[in-house]
Amino acid sequence: MSGKGVIDGVNQSLLPASIDISWFPLENPGIVSIPLGFLFGFLGTMSAREPAAEDRFTELEVRALTGAGSEKAIQH
């Protein structure tokens, strides 16, 4: 079957076996990358806070919970 190495992810499909591109020798890199992704996402959220967005969120929360200010349904 042609292209089998590309689908299976065989080590020699794109690079020779002598080239090692792994940053850390783990079988499951998610052990490191998933917590780091959450950490950087949290830091990005905290560093980009906007007071105006917090005011708009309060307004949105009231509309979502009570329906106040929502539009009427359109006729089909």
N, C-alpha and C. Protein backbone atom coordinates (compact mmCIF):
# COMPACT_ATOMS: atom_id res chain seq x y z
N MET A 1 0.85 -1.18 0.00
CA MET A 1 0.00 0.00 0.00
C MET A 1 0.90 1.24 0.00
N SER A 2 0.72 2.13 -0.94
CA SER A 2 1.57 3.32 -1.00
C SER A 2 1.09 4.37 0.00
N GLY A 3 2.02 5.11 0.57
CA GLY A 3 1.68 6.15 1.53
C GLY A 3 1.40 5.62 2.92
N LYS A 4 1.67 4.35 3.16
CA LYS A 4 1.37 3.77 4.46
C LYS A 4 2.17 4.44 5.57
N GLY A 5 3.41 4.80 5.31
CA GLY A 5 4.24 5.44 6.33
C GLY A 5 3.71 6.80 6.75
N VAL A 6 3.10 7.51 5.82
CA VAL A 6 2.56 8.83 6.14
C VAL A 6 1.34 8.70 7.05
N ILE A 7 0.50 7.72 6.81
CA ILE A 7 -0.70 7.53 7.61
C ILE A 7 -0.37 6.94 8.98
N ASP A 8 0.51 5.96 9.01
CA ASP A 8 0.86 5.29 10.26
C ASP A 8 1.80 6.12 11.13
N GLY A 9 2.55 7.03 10.53
CA GLY A 9 3.51 7.81 11.30
C GLY A 9 4.79 7.06 11.59
N VAL A 10 5.22 6.23 10.66
CA VAL A 10 6.46 5.50 10.83
C VAL A 10 7.60 6.50 10.93
N ASN A 11 8.57 6.22 11.81
CA ASN A 11 9.67 7.16 12.05
C ASN A 11 10.43 7.53 10.79
N GLN A 12 10.55 6.61 9.85
CA GLN A 12 11.34 6.87 8.66
C GLN A 12 10.50 7.40 7.50
N SER A 13 9.28 7.81 7.75
CA SER A 13 8.43 8.25 6.65
C SER A 13 8.86 9.59 6.07
N LEU A 14 9.36 10.50 6.89
CA LEU A 14 9.76 11.81 6.39
C LEU A 14 11.24 12.11 6.62
N LEU A 15 11.80 11.61 7.70
CA LEU A 15 13.19 11.88 8.04
C LEU A 15 13.95 10.57 8.20
N PRO A 16 15.24 10.61 7.94
CA PRO A 16 16.03 9.39 8.18
C PRO A 16 16.03 9.02 9.67
N ALA A 17 16.29 7.76 9.97
CA ALA A 17 16.26 7.28 11.35
C ALA A 17 17.36 7.90 12.20
N SER A 18 18.41 8.43 11.58
CA SER A 18 19.52 9.00 12.36
C SER A 18 19.18 10.37 12.96
N ILE A 19 18.12 11.02 12.49
CA ILE A 19 17.74 12.33 13.00
C ILE A 19 16.69 12.16 14.09
N ASP A 20 16.99 12.68 15.28
CA ASP A 20 16.06 12.59 16.40
C ASP A 20 15.56 14.00 16.70
N ILE A 21 14.26 14.26 16.54
CA ILE A 21 13.73 15.60 16.75
C ILE A 21 12.93 15.73 18.03
N SER A 22 12.96 14.70 18.89
CA SER A 22 12.18 14.78 20.12
C SER A 22 12.88 15.68 21.14
N TRP A 23 12.10 16.52 21.81
CA TRP A 23 12.64 17.43 22.81
C TRP A 23 12.87 16.71 24.12
N PHE A 24 12.02 15.76 24.42
CA PHE A 24 12.17 14.98 25.64
C PHE A 24 11.76 13.54 25.31
N PRO A 25 12.48 12.59 25.83
CA PRO A 25 12.26 11.19 25.43
C PRO A 25 11.10 10.52 26.17
N LEU A 26 9.89 10.87 25.81
CA LEU A 26 8.71 10.27 26.42
C LEU A 26 7.89 9.54 25.37
N GLU A 27 7.26 8.46 25.77
CA GLU A 27 6.36 7.76 24.86
C GLU A 27 5.07 8.55 24.67
N ASN A 28 4.65 9.27 25.72
CA ASN A 28 3.42 10.06 25.66
C ASN A 28 3.77 11.52 25.98
N PRO A 29 4.02 12.36 24.96
CA PRO A 29 4.39 13.75 25.22
C PRO A 29 3.26 14.59 25.80
N GLY A 30 2.04 14.06 25.81
CA GLY A 30 0.91 14.78 26.40
C GLY A 30 1.08 15.01 27.89
N ILE A 31 1.89 14.19 28.54
CA ILE A 31 2.15 14.34 29.98
C ILE A 31 2.74 15.72 30.25
N VAL A 32 3.51 16.24 29.32
CA VAL A 32 4.14 17.55 29.48
C VAL A 32 3.35 18.62 28.74
N SER A 33 2.94 18.35 27.50
CA SER A 33 2.35 19.39 26.66
C SER A 33 0.96 19.82 27.10
N ILE A 34 0.14 18.92 27.62
CA ILE A 34 -1.22 19.29 28.02
C ILE A 34 -1.22 20.23 29.23
N PRO A 35 -0.49 19.91 30.32
CA PRO A 35 -0.44 20.87 31.43
C PRO A 35 0.18 22.21 31.03
N LEU A 36 1.21 22.18 30.18
CA LEU A 36 1.80 23.44 29.72
C LEU A 36 0.81 24.25 28.89
N GLY A 37 0.00 23.59 28.09
CA GLY A 37 -1.02 24.29 27.31
C GLY A 37 -2.04 24.98 28.20
N PHE A 38 -2.49 24.30 29.26
CA PHE A 38 -3.41 24.92 30.20
C PHE A 38 -2.75 26.08 30.93
N LEU A 39 -1.50 25.92 31.33
CA LEU A 39 -0.78 26.99 32.04
C LEU A 39 -0.66 28.23 31.16
N PHE A 40 -0.21 28.05 29.92
CA PHE A 40 -0.05 29.20 29.03
C PHE A 40 -1.39 29.82 28.65
N GLY A 41 -2.42 29.01 28.52
CA GLY A 41 -3.76 29.56 28.26
C GLY A 41 -4.25 30.41 29.42
N PHE A 42 -4.02 29.93 30.64
CA PHE A 42 -4.40 30.69 31.83
C PHE A 42 -3.61 32.00 31.92
N LEU A 43 -2.30 31.92 31.69
CA LEU A 43 -1.48 33.14 31.76
C LEU A 43 -1.89 34.14 30.68
N GLY A 44 -2.22 33.67 29.49
CA GLY A 44 -2.67 34.57 28.44
C GLY A 44 -4.00 35.22 28.77
N THR A 45 -4.89 34.46 29.40
CA THR A 45 -6.18 35.02 29.80
C THR A 45 -6.02 36.08 30.87
N MET A 46 -5.17 35.81 31.84
CA MET A 46 -5.00 36.75 32.94
C MET A 46 -4.24 38.02 32.51
N SER A 47 -3.35 37.89 31.55
CA SER A 47 -2.57 39.05 31.13
C SER A 47 -3.33 39.95 30.15
N ALA A 48 -4.43 39.47 29.59
CA ALA A 48 -5.16 40.25 28.59
C ALA A 48 -6.54 40.66 29.08
N ARG A 49 -6.68 40.90 30.35
CA ARG A 49 -7.99 41.28 30.90
C ARG A 49 -8.36 42.69 30.47
N GLU A 50 -9.64 42.87 30.13
CA GLU A 50 -10.17 44.18 29.77
C GLU A 50 -11.37 44.48 30.67
N PRO A 51 -11.36 45.61 31.38
CA PRO A 51 -12.50 45.93 32.25
C PRO A 51 -13.81 46.07 31.48
N ALA A 52 -13.76 46.58 30.26
CA ALA A 52 -14.99 46.74 29.47
C ALA A 52 -15.60 45.38 29.14
N ALA A 53 -14.76 44.38 28.92
CA ALA A 53 -15.27 43.04 28.63
C ALA A 53 -15.97 42.44 29.84
N GLU A 54 -15.48 42.74 31.03
CA GLU A 54 -16.12 42.24 32.24
C GLU A 54 -17.50 42.86 32.42
N ASP A 55 -17.64 44.14 32.09
CA ASP A 55 -18.95 44.80 32.16
C ASP A 55 -19.92 44.18 31.16
N ARG A 56 -19.45 43.93 29.95
CA ARG A 56 -20.30 43.32 28.93
C ARG A 56 -20.68 41.89 29.32
N PHE A 57 -19.79 41.19 30.01
CA PHE A 57 -20.11 39.83 30.43
C PHE A 57 -21.24 39.83 31.45
N THR A 58 -21.21 40.77 32.38
CA THR A 58 -22.29 40.87 33.37
C THR A 58 -23.62 41.10 32.67
N GLU A 59 -23.62 41.97 31.67
CA GLU A 59 -24.83 42.25 30.89
C GLU A 59 -25.31 40.98 30.16
N LEU A 60 -24.38 40.26 29.57
CA LEU A 60 -24.70 39.03 28.86
C LEU A 60 -25.25 37.97 29.81
N GLU A 61 -24.68 37.88 31.00
CA GLU A 61 -25.13 36.89 31.97
C GLU A 61 -26.58 37.15 32.39
N VAL A 62 -26.93 38.41 32.59
CA VAL A 62 -28.31 38.75 32.95
C VAL A 62 -29.25 38.36 31.82
N ARG A 63 -28.87 38.66 30.58
CA ARG A 63 -29.72 38.30 29.43
C ARG A 63 -29.85 36.79 29.30
N ALA A 64 -28.78 36.06 29.55
CA ALA A 64 -28.82 34.61 29.40
C ALA A 64 -29.68 33.96 30.47
N LEU A 65 -29.63 34.48 31.69
CA LEU A 65 -30.36 33.86 32.79
C LEU A 65 -31.82 34.28 32.86
N THR A 66 -32.12 35.52 32.46
CA THR A 66 -33.49 36.02 32.60
C THR A 66 -34.22 36.18 31.28
N GLY A 67 -33.51 36.34 30.19
CA GLY A 67 -34.14 36.58 28.90
C GLY A 67 -34.49 38.04 28.69
N ALA A 68 -34.14 38.90 29.64
CA ALA A 68 -34.45 40.33 29.52
C ALA A 68 -33.66 40.92 28.36
N GLY A 69 -34.36 41.66 27.50
CA GLY A 69 -33.71 42.31 26.36
C GLY A 69 -33.57 41.42 25.14
N SER A 70 -34.10 40.21 25.20
CA SER A 70 -33.99 39.33 24.03
C SER A 70 -35.06 39.71 23.01
N GLU A 71 -34.80 39.38 21.78
CA GLU A 71 -35.72 39.71 20.69
C GLU A 71 -36.82 38.65 20.58
N LYS A 72 -37.92 39.04 19.96
CA LYS A 72 -39.00 38.09 19.72
C LYS A 72 -38.61 37.16 18.58
N ALA A 73 -39.23 36.00 18.54
CA ALA A 73 -38.97 35.04 17.48
C ALA A 73 -39.51 35.57 16.16
N ILE A 74 -38.84 35.26 15.07
CA ILE A 74 -39.29 35.70 13.75
C ILE A 74 -40.33 34.72 13.21
N GLN A 75 -41.21 35.22 12.34
CA GLN A 75 -42.23 34.39 11.71
C GLN A 75 -41.61 33.65 10.52
N HIS A 76 -41.91 32.38 10.40
CA HIS A 76 -41.39 31.58 9.29
C HIS A 76 -42.47 31.38 8.28
